[in-house]
């Protein structure tokens, strides 16, 4: 959070006196310094980094409740293809390609409908060997 040179906090609606007043109260409690507001993409990127650090610090401590290997990744907005590597989103790259080749479909769907997650928490698939560690449960037929 920043406060600009006019005393308006970055979390305030500058055109609303009430919003500015509430935001000033928050910045006072947080002892926020006056600083230039970061560009949207810069602050968004910083926010992602803060969130991924928080998730790594907290979520992974729950391994006794949710055991196993967890993969926490920051995908960011520039990595659309990567989201299609996850099964529940695998169709999105195909849908995007179809829409690009069909203007009528693209118009019906809208210009930009693909999902781009900033951060994902995933569990990689277990190998057959891991699943079969105690007894044979899966093979080439199951």
C-alpha atoms as a PDB file:
ATOM      1  CA  UNK A   1       0.000   0.000   0.000  1.00  0.00           C
ATOM      2  CA  UNK A   2       1.270   3.462  -0.834  1.00  0.00           C
ATOM      3  CA  UNK A   3       0.193   7.055  -0.284  1.00  0.00           C
ATOM      4  CA  UNK A   4       0.659   9.497  -3.138  1.00  0.00           C
ATOM      5  CA  UNK A   5       1.992  13.042  -2.830  1.00  0.00           C
ATOM      6  CA  UNK A   6      -1.595  14.337  -2.416  1.00  0.00           C
ATOM      7  CA  UNK A   7      -2.102  12.123   0.629  1.00  0.00           C
ATOM      8  CA  UNK A   8      -4.438   9.640  -1.108  1.00  0.00           C
ATOM      9  CA  UNK A   9      -3.761   5.996  -0.190  1.00  0.00           C
ATOM     10  CA  UNK A  10      -3.549   3.500  -3.045  1.00  0.00           C
ATOM     11  CA  UNK A  11      -6.466   1.485  -1.648  1.00  0.00           C
ATOM     12  CA  UNK A  12      -8.810   4.508  -1.700  1.00  0.00           C
ATOM     13  CA  UNK A  13     -11.299   5.743  -4.260  1.00  0.00           C
ATOM     14  CA  UNK A  14      -9.714   9.176  -4.675  1.00  0.00           C
ATOM     15  CA  UNK A  15     -13.050  10.733  -5.667  1.00  0.00           C
ATOM     16  CA  UNK A  16     -14.755   9.646  -2.434  1.00  0.00           C
ATOM     17  CA  UNK A  17     -13.948  11.589   0.745  1.00  0.00           C
ATOM     18  CA  UNK A  18     -15.229   8.707   2.879  1.00  0.00           C
ATOM     19  CA  UNK A  19     -13.075   6.169   1.032  1.00  0.00           C
ATOM     20  CA  UNK A  20      -9.991   8.383   1.393  1.00  0.00           C
ATOM     21  CA  UNK A  21     -10.723   8.919   5.086  1.00  0.00           C
ATOM     22  CA  UNK A  22     -11.105   5.186   5.779  1.00  0.00           C
ATOM     23  CA  UNK A  23      -7.974   4.391   3.762  1.00  0.00           C
ATOM     24  CA  UNK A  24      -5.998   7.045   5.654  1.00  0.00           C
ATOM     25  CA  UNK A  25      -7.058   5.403   8.896  1.00  0.00           C
ATOM     26  CA  UNK A  26      -5.768   2.064   7.649  1.00  0.00           C
ATOM     27  CA  UNK A  27      -2.466   3.543   6.436  1.00  0.00           C
ATOM     28  CA  UNK A  28      -2.059   5.274   9.794  1.00  0.00           C
ATOM     29  CA  UNK A  29      -2.461   1.969  11.632  1.00  0.00           C
ATOM     30  CA  UNK A  30      -0.076   0.239   9.207  1.00  0.00           C
ATOM     31  CA  UNK A  31       2.365   3.181   9.316  1.00  0.00           C
ATOM     32  CA  UNK A  32       2.523   3.312   5.515  1.00  0.00           C
ATOM     33  CA  UNK A  33       5.173   5.536   3.935  1.00  0.00           C
ATOM     34  CA  UNK A  34       4.463   8.053   1.187  1.00  0.00           C
ATOM     35  CA  UNK A  35       5.651   6.526  -2.067  1.00  0.00           C
ATOM     36  CA  UNK A  36       4.922   6.452  -5.748  1.00  0.00           C
ATOM     37  CA  UNK A  37       2.341   3.868  -6.702  1.00  0.00           C
ATOM     38  CA  UNK A  38       3.781   0.916  -8.595  1.00  0.00           C
ATOM     39  CA  UNK A  39       2.561   0.160 -12.083  1.00  0.00           C
ATOM     40  CA  UNK A  40      -0.338  -2.312 -12.118  1.00  0.00           C
ATOM     41  CA  UNK A  41       1.711  -5.207 -13.493  1.00  0.00           C
ATOM     42  CA  UNK A  42       4.564  -4.539 -11.060  1.00  0.00           C
ATOM     43  CA  UNK A  43       2.331  -4.481  -8.014  1.00  0.00           C
ATOM     44  CA  UNK A  44       0.420  -7.510  -9.310  1.00  0.00           C
ATOM     45  CA  UNK A  45       3.658  -9.430  -9.731  1.00  0.00           C
ATOM     46  CA  UNK A  46       4.795  -8.437  -6.244  1.00  0.00           C
ATOM     47  CA  UNK A  47       1.420  -9.520  -4.861  1.00  0.00           C
ATOM     48  CA  UNK A  48       1.800 -12.936  -6.525  1.00  0.00           C
ATOM     49  CA  UNK A  49       5.264 -13.359  -4.988  1.00  0.00           C
ATOM     50  CA  UNK A  50       3.973 -12.433  -1.531  1.00  0.00           C
ATOM     51  CA  UNK A  51       1.067 -14.857  -1.899  1.00  0.00           C
ATOM     52  CA  UNK A  52       3.187 -17.761  -3.103  1.00  0.00           C
ATOM     53  CA  UNK A  53       5.576 -17.235  -0.172  1.00  0.00           C
ATOM     54  CA  UNK A  54       2.585 -17.242   2.200  1.00  0.00           C
ATOM     55  CA  UNK A  55       1.134 -20.409   0.637  1.00  0.00           C
ATOM     56  CA  UNK A  56       4.491 -22.184   0.830  1.00  0.00           C
ATOM     57  CA  UNK A  57       4.909 -21.129   4.452  1.00  0.00           C
ATOM     58  CA  UNK A  58       1.423 -22.141   5.575  1.00  0.00           C
ATOM     59  CA  UNK A  59      -0.091 -24.780   3.292  1.00  0.00           C
ATOM     60  CA  UNK A  60       2.926 -27.061   3.344  1.00  0.00           C
ATOM     61  CA  UNK A  61       2.708 -27.156   7.154  1.00  0.00           C
ATOM     62  CA  UNK A  62      -0.578 -29.056   6.721  1.00  0.00           C
ATOM     63  CA  UNK A  63       1.201 -32.071   5.230  1.00  0.00           C
ATOM     64  CA  UNK A  64       0.084 -34.189   8.198  1.00  0.00           C
ATOM     65  CA  UNK A  65      -3.533 -33.500   7.142  1.00  0.00           C
ATOM     66  CA  UNK A  66      -2.978 -33.522   3.367  1.00  0.00           C
ATOM     67  CA  UNK A  67       0.064 -35.792   2.975  1.00  0.00           C
ATOM     68  CA  UNK A  68       1.961 -36.164  -0.241  1.00  0.00           C
ATOM     69  CA  UNK A  69       4.013 -34.104  -2.621  1.00  0.00           C
ATOM     70  CA  UNK A  70       2.519 -30.705  -3.453  1.00  0.00           C
ATOM     71  CA  UNK A  71       3.607 -28.527  -6.327  1.00  0.00           C
ATOM     72  CA  UNK A  72       3.076 -24.797  -5.823  1.00  0.00           C
ATOM     73  CA  UNK A  73       3.719 -22.746  -8.949  1.00  0.00           C
ATOM     74  CA  UNK A  74       3.453 -19.144  -9.950  1.00  0.00           C
ATOM     75  CA  UNK A  75       2.188 -19.171 -13.508  1.00  0.00           C
ATOM     76  CA  UNK A  76       1.548 -15.471 -14.006  1.00  0.00           C
ATOM     77  CA  UNK A  77      -0.371 -13.919 -16.862  1.00  0.00           C
ATOM     78  CA  UNK A  78       2.261 -14.654 -19.489  1.00  0.00           C
ATOM     79  CA  UNK A  79       1.971 -18.416 -19.282  1.00  0.00           C
ATOM     80  CA  UNK A  80      -1.389 -19.389 -20.811  1.00  0.00           C
ATOM     81  CA  UNK A  81      -0.090 -22.584 -22.378  1.00  0.00           C
ATOM     82  CA  UNK A  82       1.102 -23.861 -19.015  1.00  0.00           C
ATOM     83  CA  UNK A  83      -2.402 -23.951 -17.506  1.00  0.00           C
ATOM     84  CA  UNK A  84      -3.450 -26.432 -20.203  1.00  0.00           C
ATOM     85  CA  UNK A  85      -0.954 -28.905 -18.714  1.00  0.00           C
ATOM     86  CA  UNK A  86      -3.466 -29.461 -15.913  1.00  0.00           C
ATOM     87  CA  UNK A  87      -6.206 -31.947 -16.768  1.00  0.00           C
ATOM     88  CA  UNK A  88      -9.151 -29.749 -15.791  1.00  0.00           C
ATOM     89  CA  UNK A  89      -7.897 -26.986 -18.132  1.00  0.00           C
ATOM     90  CA  UNK A  90      -6.487 -29.138 -20.967  1.00  0.00           C
ATOM     91  CA  UNK A  91      -9.320 -28.239 -23.331  1.00  0.00           C
ATOM     92  CA  UNK A  92      -8.648 -24.487 -23.202  1.00  0.00           C
ATOM     93  CA  UNK A  93      -5.739 -24.445 -25.640  1.00  0.00           C
ATOM     94  CA  UNK A  94      -7.790 -26.455 -28.154  1.00  0.00           C
ATOM     95  CA  UNK A  95     -10.757 -24.141 -27.684  1.00  0.00           C
ATOM     96  CA  UNK A  96      -8.544 -21.109 -28.221  1.00  0.00           C
ATOM     97  CA  UNK A  97      -7.146 -22.553 -31.469  1.00  0.00           C
ATOM     98  CA  UNK A  98     -10.639 -23.396 -32.750  1.00  0.00           C
ATOM     99  CA  UNK A  99     -11.909 -19.916 -31.931  1.00  0.00           C
ATOM    100  CA  UNK A 100      -8.971 -18.300 -33.759  1.00  0.00           C
ATOM    101  CA  UNK A 101      -9.832 -20.241 -36.914  1.00  0.00           C
ATOM    102  CA  UNK A 102     -13.575 -19.521 -36.642  1.00  0.00           C
ATOM    103  CA  UNK A 103     -14.433 -15.791 -36.331  1.00  0.00           C
ATOM    104  CA  UNK A 104     -18.133 -16.484 -35.683  1.00  0.00           C
ATOM    105  CA  UNK A 105     -17.283 -18.781 -32.772  1.00  0.00           C
ATOM    106  CA  UNK A 106     -14.726 -16.296 -31.454  1.00  0.00           C
ATOM    107  CA  UNK A 107     -17.375 -13.550 -31.524  1.00  0.00           C
ATOM    108  CA  UNK A 108     -19.860 -15.774 -29.698  1.00  0.00           C
ATOM    109  CA  UNK A 109     -17.338 -16.699 -27.014  1.00  0.00           C
ATOM    110  CA  UNK A 110     -15.856 -13.223 -26.615  1.00  0.00           C
ATOM    111  CA  UNK A 111     -12.346 -12.007 -27.200  1.00  0.00           C
ATOM    112  CA  UNK A 112     -10.509 -13.465 -24.245  1.00  0.00           C
ATOM    113  CA  UNK A 113     -12.115 -16.292 -22.343  1.00  0.00           C
ATOM    114  CA  UNK A 114      -9.101 -18.398 -21.481  1.00  0.00           C
ATOM    115  CA  UNK A 115      -8.343 -18.937 -17.824  1.00  0.00           C
ATOM    116  CA  UNK A 116      -4.947 -17.910 -16.585  1.00  0.00           C
ATOM    117  CA  UNK A 117      -4.279 -18.738 -12.973  1.00  0.00           C
ATOM    118  CA  UNK A 118      -1.610 -16.719 -11.216  1.00  0.00           C
ATOM    119  CA  UNK A 119      -0.747 -19.400  -8.672  1.00  0.00           C
ATOM    120  CA  UNK A 120      -1.667 -23.084  -8.593  1.00  0.00           C
ATOM    121  CA  UNK A 121      -1.351 -25.756  -5.958  1.00  0.00           C
ATOM    122  CA  UNK A 122      -1.254 -29.151  -7.608  1.00  0.00           C
ATOM    123  CA  UNK A 123      -0.516 -32.693  -6.692  1.00  0.00           C
ATOM    124  CA  UNK A 124       1.489 -34.528  -9.339  1.00  0.00           C
ATOM    125  CA  UNK A 125       0.103 -37.925 -10.370  1.00  0.00           C
ATOM    126  CA  UNK A 126       1.418 -40.952  -8.511  1.00  0.00           C
ATOM    127  CA  UNK A 127       3.351 -43.544 -10.475  1.00  0.00           C
ATOM    128  CA  UNK A 128       2.082 -47.120 -10.695  1.00  0.00           C
ATOM    129  CA  UNK A 129       5.007 -48.146  -8.496  1.00  0.00           C
ATOM    130  CA  UNK A 130       3.911 -45.745  -5.739  1.00  0.00           C
ATOM    131  CA  UNK A 131       0.300 -46.915  -5.944  1.00  0.00           C
ATOM    132  CA  UNK A 132       1.387 -50.558  -5.902  1.00  0.00           C
ATOM    133  CA  UNK A 133       3.823 -50.113  -2.974  1.00  0.00           C
ATOM    134  CA  UNK A 134       1.754 -52.272  -0.586  1.00  0.00           C
ATOM    135  CA  UNK A 135      -0.087 -54.498  -3.049  1.00  0.00           C
ATOM    136  CA  UNK A 136      -0.825 -54.720  -6.763  1.00  0.00           C
ATOM    137  CA  UNK A 137      -3.688 -52.312  -7.444  1.00  0.00           C
ATOM    138  CA  UNK A 138      -2.974 -51.052 -10.965  1.00  0.00           C
ATOM    139  CA  UNK A 139      -1.308 -52.537 -14.031  1.00  0.00           C
ATOM    140  CA  UNK A 140      -1.557 -52.134 -17.806  1.00  0.00           C
ATOM    141  CA  UNK A 141      -5.219 -53.226 -17.754  1.00  0.00           C
ATOM    142  CA  UNK A 142      -6.416 -51.220 -14.734  1.00  0.00           C
END
